[in-house]
PDB file of N, CA and C in Angstrom:
ATOM      1  N   UNK A   1    -177.222  -3.364  25.685  1.00  0.00           N
ATOM      2  CA  UNK A   1    -177.117  -2.927  27.050  1.00  0.00           C
ATOM      3  C   UNK A   1    -178.421  -2.220  27.411  1.00  0.00           C
ATOM      4  N   UNK A   2    -178.892  -2.448  28.624  1.00  0.00           N
ATOM      5  CA  UNK A   2    -180.110  -1.820  29.119  1.00  0.00           C
ATOM      6  C   UNK A   2    -179.738  -0.830  30.217  1.00  0.00           C
ATOM      7  N   UNK A   3    -180.375   0.335  30.171  1.00  0.00           N
ATOM      8  CA  UNK A   3    -180.089   1.395  31.141  1.00  0.00           C
ATOM      9  C   UNK A   3    -181.345   1.749  31.927  1.00  0.00           C
ATOM     10  N   UNK A   4    -181.152   2.219  33.144  1.00  0.00           N
ATOM     11  CA  UNK A   4    -182.233   2.748  33.971  1.00  0.00           C
ATOM     12  C   UNK A   4    -181.929   4.211  34.260  1.00  0.00           C
ATOM     13  N   UNK A   5    -182.925   5.054  34.115  1.00  0.00           N
ATOM     14  CA  UNK A   5    -182.743   6.490  34.316  1.00  0.00           C
ATOM     15  C   UNK A   5    -182.649   6.797  35.807  1.00  0.00           C
ATOM     16  N   UNK A   6    -181.603   7.538  36.167  1.00  0.00           N
ATOM     17  CA  UNK A   6    -181.402   7.970  37.547  1.00  0.00           C
ATOM     18  C   UNK A   6    -181.952   9.370  37.797  1.00  0.00           C
ATOM     19  N   UNK A   7    -181.818  10.230  36.805  1.00  0.00           N
ATOM     20  CA  UNK A   7    -182.302  11.598  36.983  1.00  0.00           C
ATOM     21  C   UNK A   7    -182.488  12.285  35.643  1.00  0.00           C
ATOM     22  N   UNK A   8    -183.386  13.249  35.658  1.00  0.00           N
ATOM     23  CA  UNK A   8    -183.627  14.123  34.515  1.00  0.00           C
ATOM     24  C   UNK A   8    -183.564  15.537  35.066  1.00  0.00           C
ATOM     25  N   UNK A   9    -182.701  16.354  34.446  1.00  0.00           N
ATOM     26  CA  UNK A   9    -182.524  17.730  34.943  1.00  0.00           C
ATOM     27  C   UNK A   9    -182.604  18.723  33.800  1.00  0.00           C
ATOM     28  N   UNK A  10    -183.041  19.899  34.140  1.00  0.00           N
ATOM     29  CA  UNK A  10    -183.024  21.040  33.218  1.00  0.00           C
ATOM     30  C   UNK A  10    -181.896  21.946  33.702  1.00  0.00           C
ATOM     31  N   UNK A  11    -180.921  22.209  32.820  1.00  0.00           N
ATOM     32  CA  UNK A  11    -179.754  22.997  33.204  1.00  0.00           C
ATOM     33  C   UNK A  11    -179.611  24.168  32.231  1.00  0.00           C
ATOM     34  N   UNK A  12    -179.497  25.388  32.747  1.00  0.00           N
ATOM     35  CA  UNK A  12    -179.258  26.532  31.861  1.00  0.00           C
ATOM     36  C   UNK A  12    -177.970  26.318  31.048  1.00  0.00           C
ATOM     37  N   UNK A  13    -177.996  26.665  29.778  1.00  0.00           N
ATOM     38  CA  UNK A  13    -176.840  26.442  28.902  1.00  0.00           C
ATOM     39  C   UNK A  13    -175.516  26.970  29.470  1.00  0.00           C
ATOM     40  N   UNK A  14    -175.474  28.173  30.056  1.00  0.00           N
ATOM     41  CA  UNK A  14    -174.190  28.658  30.580  1.00  0.00           C
ATOM     42  C   UNK A  14    -173.634  27.821  31.743  1.00  0.00           C
ATOM     43  N   UNK A  15    -174.504  27.087  32.432  1.00  0.00           N
ATOM     44  CA  UNK A  15    -174.081  26.294  33.593  1.00  0.00           C
ATOM     45  C   UNK A  15    -173.631  24.882  33.234  1.00  0.00           C
ATOM     46  N   UNK A  16    -173.959  24.423  32.045  1.00  0.00           N
ATOM     47  CA  UNK A  16    -173.700  23.031  31.671  1.00  0.00           C
ATOM     48  C   UNK A  16    -172.221  22.661  31.753  1.00  0.00           C
ATOM     49  N   UNK A  17    -171.359  23.478  31.240  1.00  0.00           N
ATOM     50  CA  UNK A  17    -169.918  23.166  31.215  1.00  0.00           C
ATOM     51  C   UNK A  17    -169.313  23.121  32.613  1.00  0.00           C
ATOM     52  N   UNK A  18    -169.975  23.734  33.572  1.00  0.00           N
ATOM     53  CA  UNK A  18    -169.431  23.818  34.934  1.00  0.00           C
ATOM     54  C   UNK A  18    -170.053  22.809  35.891  1.00  0.00           C
ATOM     55  N   UNK A  19    -170.924  21.949  35.392  1.00  0.00           N
ATOM     56  CA  UNK A  19    -171.575  20.935  36.238  1.00  0.00           C
ATOM     57  C   UNK A  19    -170.646  19.729  36.350  1.00  0.00           C
ATOM     58  N   UNK A  20    -169.787  19.746  37.359  1.00  0.00           N
ATOM     59  CA  UNK A  20    -168.731  18.737  37.501  1.00  0.00           C
ATOM     60  C   UNK A  20    -169.264  17.314  37.571  1.00  0.00           C
ATOM     61  N   UNK A  21    -170.425  17.117  38.152  1.00  0.00           N
ATOM     62  CA  UNK A  21    -170.995  15.775  38.265  1.00  0.00           C
ATOM     63  C   UNK A  21    -171.231  15.138  36.886  1.00  0.00           C
ATOM     64  N   UNK A  22    -171.630  15.945  35.923  1.00  0.00           N
ATOM     65  CA  UNK A  22    -171.874  15.414  34.580  1.00  0.00           C
ATOM     66  C   UNK A  22    -170.591  14.994  33.881  1.00  0.00           C
ATOM     67  N   UNK A  23    -169.500  15.666  34.141  1.00  0.00           N
ATOM     68  CA  UNK A  23    -168.258  15.430  33.400  1.00  0.00           C
ATOM     69  C   UNK A  23    -167.314  14.474  34.110  1.00  0.00           C
ATOM     70  N   UNK A  24    -167.733  13.917  35.252  1.00  0.00           N
ATOM     71  CA  UNK A  24    -166.943  12.931  35.968  1.00  0.00           C
ATOM     72  C   UNK A  24    -167.208  11.550  35.373  1.00  0.00           C
ATOM     73  N   UNK A  25    -166.161  10.804  35.092  1.00  0.00           N
ATOM     74  CA  UNK A  25    -166.322   9.459  34.529  1.00  0.00           C
ATOM     75  C   UNK A  25    -166.937   8.525  35.562  1.00  0.00           C
ATOM     76  N   UNK A  26    -167.691   7.582  35.060  1.00  0.00           N
ATOM     77  CA  UNK A  26    -168.294   6.576  35.928  1.00  0.00           C
ATOM     78  C   UNK A  26    -168.491   5.288  35.153  1.00  0.00           C
ATOM     79  N   UNK A  27    -168.564   4.171  35.847  1.00  0.00           N
ATOM     80  CA  UNK A  27    -168.730   2.887  35.169  1.00  0.00           C
ATOM     81  C   UNK A  27    -170.117   2.745  34.537  1.00  0.00           C
ATOM     82  N   UNK A  28    -170.129   2.376  33.276  1.00  0.00           N
ATOM     83  CA  UNK A  28    -171.376   2.071  32.547  1.00  0.00           C
ATOM     84  C   UNK A  28    -172.457   3.127  32.755  1.00  0.00           C
ATOM     85  N   UNK A  29    -172.087   4.373  32.550  1.00  0.00           N
ATOM     86  CA  UNK A  29    -173.015   5.487  32.736  1.00  0.00           C
ATOM     87  C   UNK A  29    -173.322   6.102  31.380  1.00  0.00           C
ATOM     88  N   UNK A  30    -174.553   6.473  31.186  1.00  0.00           N
ATOM     89  CA  UNK A  30    -174.993   7.099  29.945  1.00  0.00           C
ATOM     90  C   UNK A  30    -175.567   8.463  30.286  1.00  0.00           C
ATOM     91  N   UNK A  31    -175.098   9.485  29.579  1.00  0.00           N
ATOM     92  CA  UNK A  31    -175.622  10.838  29.768  1.00  0.00           C
ATOM     93  C   UNK A  31    -176.075  11.356  28.411  1.00  0.00           C
ATOM     94  N   UNK A  32    -177.331  11.773  28.341  1.00  0.00           N
ATOM     95  CA  UNK A  32    -177.881  12.365  27.118  1.00  0.00           C
ATOM     96  C   UNK A  32    -178.149  13.833  27.400  1.00  0.00           C
ATOM     97  N   UNK A  33    -177.702  14.681  26.485  1.00  0.00           N
ATOM     98  CA  UNK A  33    -177.905  16.127  26.618  1.00  0.00           C
ATOM     99  C   UNK A  33    -178.552  16.623  25.340  1.00  0.00           C
ATOM    100  N   UNK A  34    -179.640  17.361  25.485  1.00  0.00           N
ATOM    101  CA  UNK A  34    -180.323  17.908  24.324  1.00  0.00           C
ATOM    102  C   UNK A  34    -180.821  19.322  24.638  1.00  0.00           C
ATOM    103  N   UNK A  35    -181.053  20.088  23.611  1.00  0.00           N
ATOM    104  CA  UNK A  35    -181.578  21.443  23.771  1.00  0.00           C
ATOM    105  C   UNK A  35    -183.080  21.399  23.994  1.00  0.00           C
ATOM    106  N   UNK A  36    -183.560  22.273  24.849  1.00  0.00           N
ATOM    107  CA  UNK A  36    -185.000  22.420  25.046  1.00  0.00           C
ATOM    108  C   UNK A  36    -185.495  23.531  24.136  1.00  0.00           C
ATOM    109  N   UNK A  37    -186.357  23.201  23.191  1.00  0.00           N
ATOM    110  CA  UNK A  37    -186.858  24.242  22.291  1.00  0.00           C
ATOM    111  C   UNK A  37    -187.714  25.252  23.039  1.00  0.00           C
ATOM    112  N   UNK A  38    -187.715  26.442  22.510  1.00  0.00           N
ATOM    113  CA  UNK A  38    -188.481  27.521  23.136  1.00  0.00           C
ATOM    114  C   UNK A  38    -189.133  28.317  22.022  1.00  0.00           C
ATOM    115  N   UNK A  39    -190.398  28.675  22.217  1.00  0.00           N
ATOM    116  CA  UNK A  39    -191.107  29.463  21.213  1.00  0.00           C
ATOM    117  C   UNK A  39    -190.487  30.847  21.081  1.00  0.00           C
ATOM    118  N   UNK A  40    -190.283  31.261  19.873  1.00  0.00           N
ATOM    119  CA  UNK A  40    -189.843  32.620  19.624  1.00  0.00           C
ATOM    120  C   UNK A  40    -188.366  32.891  19.802  1.00  0.00           C
ATOM    121  N   UNK A  41    -187.527  31.855  19.918  1.00  0.00           N
ATOM    122  CA  UNK A  41    -186.112  32.153  20.053  1.00  0.00           C
ATOM    123  C   UNK A  41    -185.263  30.918  20.282  1.00  0.00           C
ATOM    124  N   UNK A  42    -184.012  31.190  20.540  1.00  0.00           N
ATOM    125  CA  UNK A  42    -183.044  30.116  20.750  1.00  0.00           C
ATOM    126  C   UNK A  42    -183.271  29.440  22.102  1.00  0.00           C
ATOM    127  N   UNK A  43    -182.819  28.216  22.191  1.00  0.00           N
ATOM    128  CA  UNK A  43    -182.919  27.452  23.432  1.00  0.00           C
ATOM    129  C   UNK A  43    -182.044  28.081  24.508  1.00  0.00           C
ATOM    130  N   UNK A  44    -182.571  28.172  25.728  1.00  0.00           N
ATOM    131  CA  UNK A  44    -181.822  28.732  26.856  1.00  0.00           C
ATOM    132  C   UNK A  44    -181.345  27.649  27.815  1.00  0.00           C
ATOM    133  N   UNK A  45    -181.976  26.465  27.733  1.00  0.00           N
ATOM    134  CA  UNK A  45    -181.683  25.384  28.666  1.00  0.00           C
ATOM    135  C   UNK A  45    -181.394  24.085  27.926  1.00  0.00           C
ATOM    136  N   UNK A  46    -180.723  23.174  28.631  1.00  0.00           N
ATOM    137  CA  UNK A  46    -180.507  21.815  28.153  1.00  0.00           C
ATOM    138  C   UNK A  46    -181.296  20.863  29.039  1.00  0.00           C
ATOM    139  N   UNK A  47    -181.816  19.796  28.441  1.00  0.00           N
ATOM    140  CA  UNK A  47    -182.400  18.704  29.191  1.00  0.00           C
ATOM    141  C   UNK A  47    -181.324  17.636  29.299  1.00  0.00           C
ATOM    142  N   UNK A  48    -181.033  17.188  30.520  1.00  0.00           N
ATOM    143  CA  UNK A  48    -179.977  16.216  30.765  1.00  0.00           C
ATOM    144  C   UNK A  48    -180.599  14.978  31.409  1.00  0.00           C
ATOM    145  N   UNK A  49    -180.331  13.809  30.806  1.00  0.00           N
ATOM    146  CA  UNK A  49    -180.796  12.533  31.337  1.00  0.00           C
ATOM    147  C   UNK A  49    -179.567  11.719  31.719  1.00  0.00           C
ATOM    148  N   UNK A  50    -179.519  11.279  32.985  1.00  0.00           N
ATOM    149  CA  UNK A  50    -178.399  10.469  33.478  1.00  0.00           C
ATOM    150  C   UNK A  50    -178.946   9.080  33.791  1.00  0.00           C
ATOM    151  N   UNK A  51    -178.269   8.047  33.255  1.00  0.00           N
ATOM    152  CA  UNK A  51    -178.719   6.671  33.463  1.00  0.00           C
ATOM    153  C   UNK A  51    -177.530   5.773  33.754  1.00  0.00           C
ATOM    154  N   UNK A  52    -177.809   4.603  34.346  1.00  0.00           N
ATOM    155  CA  UNK A  52    -176.757   3.618  34.612  1.00  0.00           C
ATOM    156  C   UNK A  52    -177.154   2.285  33.982  1.00  0.00           C
ATOM    157  N   UNK A  53    -176.163   1.479  33.642  1.00  0.00           N
ATOM    158  CA  UNK A  53    -176.411   0.183  33.018  1.00  0.00           C
ATOM    159  C   UNK A  53    -176.974  -0.788  34.047  1.00  0.00           C
ATOM    160  N   UNK A  54    -178.007  -1.527  33.635  1.00  0.00           N
ATOM    161  CA  UNK A  54    -178.578  -2.542  34.514  1.00  0.00           C
ATOM    162  C   UNK A  54    -178.354  -3.947  33.970  1.00  0.00           C
ATOM    163  N   UNK A  55    -178.069  -4.057  32.671  1.00  0.00           N
ATOM    164  CA  UNK A  55    -177.759  -5.368  32.098  1.00  0.00           C
ATOM    165  C   UNK A  55    -177.074  -5.193  30.758  1.00  0.00           C
ATOM    166  N   UNK A  56    -176.328  -6.203  30.393  1.00  0.00           N
ATOM    167  CA  UNK A  56    -175.698  -6.212  29.074  1.00  0.00           C
ATOM    168  C   UNK A  56    -176.501  -7.131  28.178  1.00  0.00           C
ATOM    169  N   UNK A  57    -176.779  -6.653  26.989  1.00  0.00           N
ATOM    170  CA  UNK A  57    -177.649  -7.427  26.141  1.00  0.00           C
ATOM    171  C   UNK A  57    -176.961  -7.958  24.967  1.00  0.00           C
TER     172      UNK A  57
END
């Protein structure tokens, strides 16, 4: 399956669980969530990539 990126967002960790758009189901949607490293301490934000399917491979 091939995906096209729709958006890339930086979301503070405390806000991630409350972002209703991310947790709503959708057809052939891919969401990647990762921690953003920070010098000198723990990560404060997540990087979120939202994509949709453009073809099945």
